[in-house]
Amino acid sequence: MDNLEKVIPIKLKSINDLVRLAATISSPQAMMYILKFINNNKLIIGVLGVFRDYYKLYGLPMFYYYSIDANEAKELLDANYIIISTNDEKIEFSKHPKPGLSIPLITLDKKPPFIPDLD
């Protein structure tokens, strides 16, 4: 697995940026989800994507992410969904889907080997 190609990590400025990205990519035909895992005492939440239409780099794998100190992320650690309201940019964390766009949070046991070390 040492020769496994890595995704290109893209750290986002805020959790709202990540949720907006996920909401933009979501569609009824292809449900979006956000991955979450602990790495170096940080809660990492992120979205895997593919960079398209950039000359020879078509299909380049990307990992858009946001990191939070794990000790400060209890509400997010316990959540199964991020809910974004459809009429403003309010987000909330929930155990269950609610009205608005409910984006599932998928908790990984550990960082996948194809994601490089993150800060």
N, C-alpha and C. Protein backbone atom coordinates (compact mmCIF):
# COMPACT_ATOMS: atom_id res chain seq x y z
N MET A 1 0.81 -1.20 0.00
CA MET A 1 0.00 0.00 0.00
C MET A 1 0.85 1.26 0.00
N ASP A 2 2.16 1.16 0.14
CA ASP A 2 3.01 2.34 0.15
C ASP A 2 3.01 3.06 -1.19
N ASN A 3 2.76 2.33 -2.27
CA ASN A 3 2.76 2.93 -3.60
C ASN A 3 1.40 3.46 -4.01
N LEU A 4 0.44 3.42 -3.10
CA LEU A 4 -0.90 3.88 -3.39
C LEU A 4 -0.89 5.39 -3.64
N GLU A 5 -1.46 5.82 -4.74
CA GLU A 5 -1.50 7.25 -5.02
C GLU A 5 -2.46 7.93 -4.07
N LYS A 6 -2.10 9.12 -3.65
CA LYS A 6 -2.85 9.89 -2.67
C LYS A 6 -3.76 10.90 -3.35
N VAL A 7 -4.83 11.29 -2.65
CA VAL A 7 -5.64 12.40 -3.12
C VAL A 7 -4.91 13.69 -2.79
N ILE A 8 -5.31 14.76 -3.40
CA ILE A 8 -4.74 16.06 -3.08
C ILE A 8 -5.63 16.71 -2.02
N PRO A 9 -5.09 16.95 -0.82
CA PRO A 9 -5.93 17.53 0.22
C PRO A 9 -6.18 19.01 -0.02
N ILE A 10 -7.40 19.40 0.15
CA ILE A 10 -7.79 20.80 0.01
C ILE A 10 -8.44 21.22 1.31
N LYS A 11 -7.70 21.94 2.15
CA LYS A 11 -8.25 22.40 3.42
C LYS A 11 -9.14 23.60 3.18
N LEU A 12 -10.35 23.54 3.68
CA LEU A 12 -11.29 24.64 3.49
C LEU A 12 -11.23 25.58 4.68
N LYS A 13 -11.73 26.80 4.47
CA LYS A 13 -11.63 27.85 5.49
C LYS A 13 -12.59 27.64 6.65
N SER A 14 -13.74 27.05 6.38
CA SER A 14 -14.73 26.88 7.45
C SER A 14 -15.58 25.65 7.19
N ILE A 15 -16.28 25.23 8.23
CA ILE A 15 -17.19 24.11 8.07
C ILE A 15 -18.35 24.50 7.15
N ASN A 16 -18.76 25.76 7.18
CA ASN A 16 -19.82 26.21 6.27
C ASN A 16 -19.41 26.04 4.81
N ASP A 17 -18.13 26.30 4.52
CA ASP A 17 -17.65 26.10 3.15
C ASP A 17 -17.79 24.64 2.75
N LEU A 18 -17.43 23.73 3.65
CA LEU A 18 -17.51 22.31 3.35
C LEU A 18 -18.95 21.88 3.13
N VAL A 19 -19.86 22.35 3.99
CA VAL A 19 -21.26 21.97 3.87
C VAL A 19 -21.85 22.54 2.58
N ARG A 20 -21.50 23.77 2.24
CA ARG A 20 -21.99 24.33 0.98
C ARG A 20 -21.48 23.53 -0.20
N LEU A 21 -20.22 23.11 -0.15
CA LEU A 21 -19.67 22.29 -1.23
C LEU A 21 -20.45 20.99 -1.37
N ALA A 22 -20.70 20.34 -0.24
CA ALA A 22 -21.46 19.09 -0.27
C ALA A 22 -22.88 19.32 -0.80
N ALA A 23 -23.52 20.41 -0.36
CA ALA A 23 -24.87 20.71 -0.82
C ALA A 23 -24.90 20.98 -2.32
N THR A 24 -23.86 21.63 -2.81
CA THR A 24 -23.79 21.93 -4.24
C THR A 24 -23.65 20.66 -5.08
N ILE A 25 -22.87 19.73 -4.57
CA ILE A 25 -22.61 18.49 -5.32
C ILE A 25 -23.79 17.53 -5.21
N SER A 26 -24.59 17.64 -4.14
CA SER A 26 -25.70 16.71 -3.91
C SER A 26 -26.77 16.85 -4.97
N SER A 27 -27.38 15.73 -5.28
CA SER A 27 -28.54 15.72 -6.14
C SER A 27 -29.37 14.50 -5.76
N PRO A 28 -30.65 14.48 -6.12
CA PRO A 28 -31.46 13.30 -5.77
C PRO A 28 -30.88 12.00 -6.35
N GLN A 29 -30.21 12.09 -7.49
CA GLN A 29 -29.66 10.90 -8.12
C GLN A 29 -28.36 10.44 -7.46
N ALA A 30 -27.60 11.36 -6.88
CA ALA A 30 -26.31 11.01 -6.29
C ALA A 30 -26.18 11.69 -4.93
N MET A 31 -26.55 10.99 -3.89
CA MET A 31 -26.52 11.57 -2.54
C MET A 31 -25.08 11.85 -2.12
N MET A 32 -24.85 13.01 -1.59
CA MET A 32 -23.52 13.40 -1.09
C MET A 32 -23.42 12.99 0.36
N TYR A 33 -22.23 12.67 0.79
CA TYR A 33 -21.96 12.39 2.19
C TYR A 33 -20.66 13.06 2.57
N ILE A 34 -20.48 13.23 3.88
CA ILE A 34 -19.25 13.82 4.41
C ILE A 34 -18.58 12.76 5.28
N LEU A 35 -17.30 12.53 5.04
CA LEU A 35 -16.54 11.59 5.85
C LEU A 35 -16.04 12.29 7.10
N LYS A 36 -15.93 11.55 8.20
CA LYS A 36 -15.31 12.11 9.40
C LYS A 36 -14.45 11.03 10.06
N PHE A 37 -13.30 11.47 10.57
CA PHE A 37 -12.40 10.57 11.27
C PHE A 37 -11.46 11.39 12.14
N ILE A 38 -10.90 10.73 13.15
CA ILE A 38 -9.94 11.38 14.04
C ILE A 38 -8.54 11.10 13.50
N ASN A 39 -7.72 12.14 13.45
CA ASN A 39 -6.34 12.01 13.00
C ASN A 39 -5.51 13.03 13.78
N ASN A 40 -4.51 12.55 14.54
CA ASN A 40 -3.64 13.43 15.33
C ASN A 40 -4.44 14.34 16.26
N ASN A 41 -5.42 13.77 16.96
CA ASN A 41 -6.28 14.49 17.90
C ASN A 41 -7.09 15.60 17.25
N LYS A 42 -7.30 15.50 15.97
CA LYS A 42 -8.16 16.43 15.23
C LYS A 42 -9.31 15.63 14.63
N LEU A 43 -10.49 16.21 14.66
CA LEU A 43 -11.61 15.63 13.92
C LEU A 43 -11.52 16.18 12.51
N ILE A 44 -11.38 15.31 11.55
CA ILE A 44 -11.32 15.70 10.15
C ILE A 44 -12.67 15.37 9.52
N ILE A 45 -13.28 16.35 8.88
CA ILE A 45 -14.49 16.10 8.10
C ILE A 45 -14.19 16.55 6.69
N GLY A 46 -14.63 15.77 5.72
CA GLY A 46 -14.29 16.12 4.35
C GLY A 46 -15.11 15.39 3.31
N VAL A 47 -14.93 15.86 2.09
CA VAL A 47 -15.64 15.34 0.93
C VAL A 47 -14.62 14.93 -0.12
N LEU A 48 -14.75 13.70 -0.60
CA LEU A 48 -13.91 13.24 -1.72
C LEU A 48 -14.52 13.75 -3.02
N GLY A 49 -13.69 14.18 -3.91
CA GLY A 49 -14.17 14.66 -5.20
C GLY A 49 -13.15 14.39 -6.28
N VAL A 50 -13.52 14.70 -7.48
CA VAL A 50 -12.63 14.55 -8.63
C VAL A 50 -12.52 15.89 -9.32
N PHE A 51 -11.28 16.34 -9.52
CA PHE A 51 -11.02 17.59 -10.22
C PHE A 51 -11.20 17.34 -11.71
N ARG A 52 -12.05 18.11 -12.35
CA ARG A 52 -12.37 17.87 -13.77
C ARG A 52 -11.90 19.05 -14.63
N ASP A 53 -11.70 18.75 -15.88
CA ASP A 53 -11.49 19.77 -16.91
C ASP A 53 -10.30 20.68 -16.67
N TYR A 54 -9.18 20.13 -16.24
CA TYR A 54 -7.98 20.93 -16.10
C TYR A 54 -6.86 20.29 -16.91
N TYR A 55 -6.88 20.53 -18.17
CA TYR A 55 -5.86 20.05 -19.10
C TYR A 55 -5.57 18.57 -18.88
N LYS A 56 -4.33 18.22 -18.61
CA LYS A 56 -3.94 16.82 -18.46
C LYS A 56 -4.27 16.27 -17.07
N LEU A 57 -4.73 17.10 -16.17
CA LEU A 57 -5.02 16.66 -14.82
C LEU A 57 -6.48 16.23 -14.64
N TYR A 58 -7.16 15.92 -15.73
CA TYR A 58 -8.55 15.48 -15.65
C TYR A 58 -8.64 14.22 -14.79
N GLY A 59 -9.56 14.22 -13.85
CA GLY A 59 -9.77 13.05 -13.00
C GLY A 59 -8.89 13.02 -11.77
N LEU A 60 -8.21 14.11 -11.46
CA LEU A 60 -7.34 14.18 -10.29
C LEU A 60 -8.18 14.08 -9.02
N PRO A 61 -7.88 13.12 -8.11
CA PRO A 61 -8.68 12.99 -6.90
C PRO A 61 -8.37 14.10 -5.90
N MET A 62 -9.41 14.62 -5.25
CA MET A 62 -9.28 15.72 -4.30
C MET A 62 -9.98 15.31 -3.00
N PHE A 63 -9.50 15.85 -1.88
CA PHE A 63 -10.16 15.68 -0.59
C PHE A 63 -10.32 17.06 0.02
N TYR A 64 -11.54 17.60 -0.05
CA TYR A 64 -11.84 18.89 0.55
C TYR A 64 -12.16 18.63 2.02
N TYR A 65 -11.46 19.32 2.95
CA TYR A 65 -11.66 18.98 4.35
C TYR A 65 -11.58 20.21 5.26
N TYR A 66 -12.03 19.98 6.48
CA TYR A 66 -11.95 20.98 7.55
C TYR A 66 -11.56 20.21 8.80
N SER A 67 -10.65 20.76 9.59
CA SER A 67 -10.22 20.07 10.81
C SER A 67 -10.60 20.88 12.04
N ILE A 68 -10.96 20.15 13.09
CA ILE A 68 -11.39 20.75 14.35
C ILE A 68 -10.68 19.98 15.46
N ASP A 69 -10.26 20.67 16.50
CA ASP A 69 -9.68 19.98 17.65
C ASP A 69 -10.73 19.02 18.19
N ALA A 70 -10.37 17.76 18.34
CA ALA A 70 -11.34 16.72 18.74
C ALA A 70 -12.00 17.03 20.07
N ASN A 71 -11.31 17.68 20.98
CA ASN A 71 -11.89 18.03 22.28
C ASN A 71 -12.98 19.09 22.16
N GLU A 72 -12.98 19.86 21.09
CA GLU A 72 -13.97 20.92 20.89
C GLU A 72 -15.11 20.49 19.97
N ALA A 73 -15.10 19.25 19.53
CA ALA A 73 -16.03 18.83 18.48
C ALA A 73 -17.06 17.80 18.96
N LYS A 74 -17.42 17.82 20.24
CA LYS A 74 -18.31 16.80 20.78
C LYS A 74 -19.62 16.70 20.01
N GLU A 75 -20.26 17.84 19.77
CA GLU A 75 -21.55 17.82 19.06
C GLU A 75 -21.42 17.20 17.67
N LEU A 76 -20.35 17.52 16.98
CA LEU A 76 -20.13 16.97 15.65
C LEU A 76 -19.72 15.50 15.71
N LEU A 77 -18.96 15.12 16.73
CA LEU A 77 -18.58 13.72 16.90
C LEU A 77 -19.80 12.83 17.09
N ASP A 78 -20.81 13.33 17.80
CA ASP A 78 -22.01 12.54 18.09
C ASP A 78 -23.05 12.59 16.97
N ALA A 79 -22.89 13.47 16.01
CA ALA A 79 -23.90 13.66 14.96
C ALA A 79 -23.79 12.62 13.85
N ASN A 80 -24.94 12.33 13.24
CA ASN A 80 -25.00 11.47 12.06
C ASN A 80 -25.32 12.25 10.79
N TYR A 81 -25.79 13.49 10.96
CA TYR A 81 -26.17 14.33 9.83
C TYR A 81 -25.77 15.78 10.09
N ILE A 82 -25.47 16.47 9.03
CA ILE A 82 -25.39 17.93 9.06
C ILE A 82 -26.60 18.40 8.27
N ILE A 83 -27.39 19.26 8.90
CA ILE A 83 -28.61 19.78 8.27
C ILE A 83 -28.33 21.21 7.84
N ILE A 84 -28.62 21.51 6.59
CA ILE A 84 -28.49 22.89 6.10
C ILE A 84 -29.88 23.34 5.67
N SER A 85 -30.28 24.51 6.19
CA SER A 85 -31.60 25.02 5.83
C SER A 85 -31.58 25.45 4.37
N THR A 86 -32.72 25.40 3.74
CA THR A 86 -32.79 25.72 2.32
C THR A 86 -32.96 27.20 2.05
N ASN A 87 -33.29 28.01 3.07
CA ASN A 87 -33.50 29.43 2.80
C ASN A 87 -32.43 30.34 3.41
N ASP A 88 -31.47 29.80 4.15
CA ASP A 88 -30.35 30.59 4.62
C ASP A 88 -29.16 29.64 4.83
N GLU A 89 -28.07 30.17 5.32
CA GLU A 89 -26.87 29.35 5.45
C GLU A 89 -26.67 28.86 6.87
N LYS A 90 -27.73 28.45 7.51
CA LYS A 90 -27.66 27.93 8.87
C LYS A 90 -27.42 26.43 8.80
N ILE A 91 -26.43 25.95 9.59
CA ILE A 91 -26.21 24.51 9.66
C ILE A 91 -26.39 24.05 11.10
N GLU A 92 -26.80 22.81 11.25
CA GLU A 92 -26.91 22.20 12.58
C GLU A 92 -26.51 20.74 12.47
N PHE A 93 -26.16 20.16 13.61
CA PHE A 93 -25.76 18.76 13.67
C PHE A 93 -26.89 17.97 14.32
N SER A 94 -27.15 16.76 13.82
CA SER A 94 -28.28 15.98 14.30
C SER A 94 -27.98 14.49 14.23
N LYS A 95 -28.66 13.73 15.09
CA LYS A 95 -28.60 12.26 15.04
C LYS A 95 -29.49 11.72 13.92
N HIS A 96 -30.52 12.52 13.53
CA HIS A 96 -31.52 12.06 12.57
C HIS A 96 -31.71 13.11 11.47
N PRO A 97 -32.11 12.69 10.27
CA PRO A 97 -32.39 13.67 9.21
C PRO A 97 -33.57 14.55 9.62
N LYS A 98 -33.57 15.78 9.11
CA LYS A 98 -34.62 16.75 9.40
C LYS A 98 -34.98 17.48 8.11
N PRO A 99 -36.04 18.32 8.15
CA PRO A 99 -36.36 19.12 6.97
C PRO A 99 -35.18 20.00 6.57
N GLY A 100 -35.07 20.26 5.30
CA GLY A 100 -33.90 20.93 4.74
C GLY A 100 -33.05 19.87 4.07
N LEU A 101 -31.82 20.17 3.79
CA LEU A 101 -30.93 19.19 3.19
C LEU A 101 -30.18 18.48 4.30
N SER A 102 -30.38 17.19 4.45
CA SER A 102 -29.71 16.38 5.46
C SER A 102 -28.55 15.65 4.79
N ILE A 103 -27.33 16.05 5.13
CA ILE A 103 -26.15 15.43 4.54
C ILE A 103 -25.60 14.41 5.54
N PRO A 104 -25.56 13.14 5.15
CA PRO A 104 -25.07 12.12 6.07
C PRO A 104 -23.60 12.31 6.40
N LEU A 105 -23.26 12.08 7.67
CA LEU A 105 -21.88 12.04 8.12
C LEU A 105 -21.50 10.57 8.24
N ILE A 106 -20.44 10.19 7.59
CA ILE A 106 -19.97 8.81 7.62
C ILE A 106 -18.69 8.78 8.46
N THR A 107 -18.75 8.11 9.60
CA THR A 107 -17.60 8.06 10.50
C THR A 107 -16.70 6.89 10.13
N LEU A 108 -15.45 7.19 9.85
CA LEU A 108 -14.47 6.15 9.54
C LEU A 108 -13.72 5.78 10.81
N ASP A 109 -13.30 4.55 10.92
CA ASP A 109 -12.56 4.09 12.07
C ASP A 109 -11.21 4.77 12.18
N LYS A 110 -10.59 5.02 11.03
CA LYS A 110 -9.30 5.71 10.99
C LYS A 110 -9.12 6.33 9.62
N LYS A 111 -8.10 7.12 9.49
CA LYS A 111 -7.80 7.77 8.21
C LYS A 111 -7.50 6.71 7.16
N PRO A 112 -8.16 6.79 6.01
CA PRO A 112 -7.87 5.84 4.94
C PRO A 112 -6.44 6.02 4.43
N PRO A 113 -5.81 4.95 3.95
CA PRO A 113 -4.43 5.04 3.50
C PRO A 113 -4.23 5.92 2.26
N PHE A 114 -5.28 6.17 1.50
CA PHE A 114 -5.13 7.00 0.29
C PHE A 114 -5.22 8.48 0.58
N ILE A 115 -5.49 8.86 1.85
CA ILE A 115 -5.48 10.27 2.24
C ILE A 115 -4.15 10.54 2.94
N PRO A 116 -3.40 11.54 2.50
CA PRO A 116 -2.10 11.82 3.13
C PRO A 116 -2.30 12.40 4.54
N ASP A 117 -1.20 12.52 5.29
CA ASP A 117 -1.29 13.15 6.60
C ASP A 117 -1.77 14.58 6.45
N LEU A 118 -2.63 15.01 7.36
CA LEU A 118 -3.24 16.34 7.30
C LEU A 118 -2.84 17.12 8.53
N ASP A 119 -2.85 18.46 8.42
CA ASP A 119 -2.53 19.29 9.59
C ASP A 119 -3.73 19.55 10.44
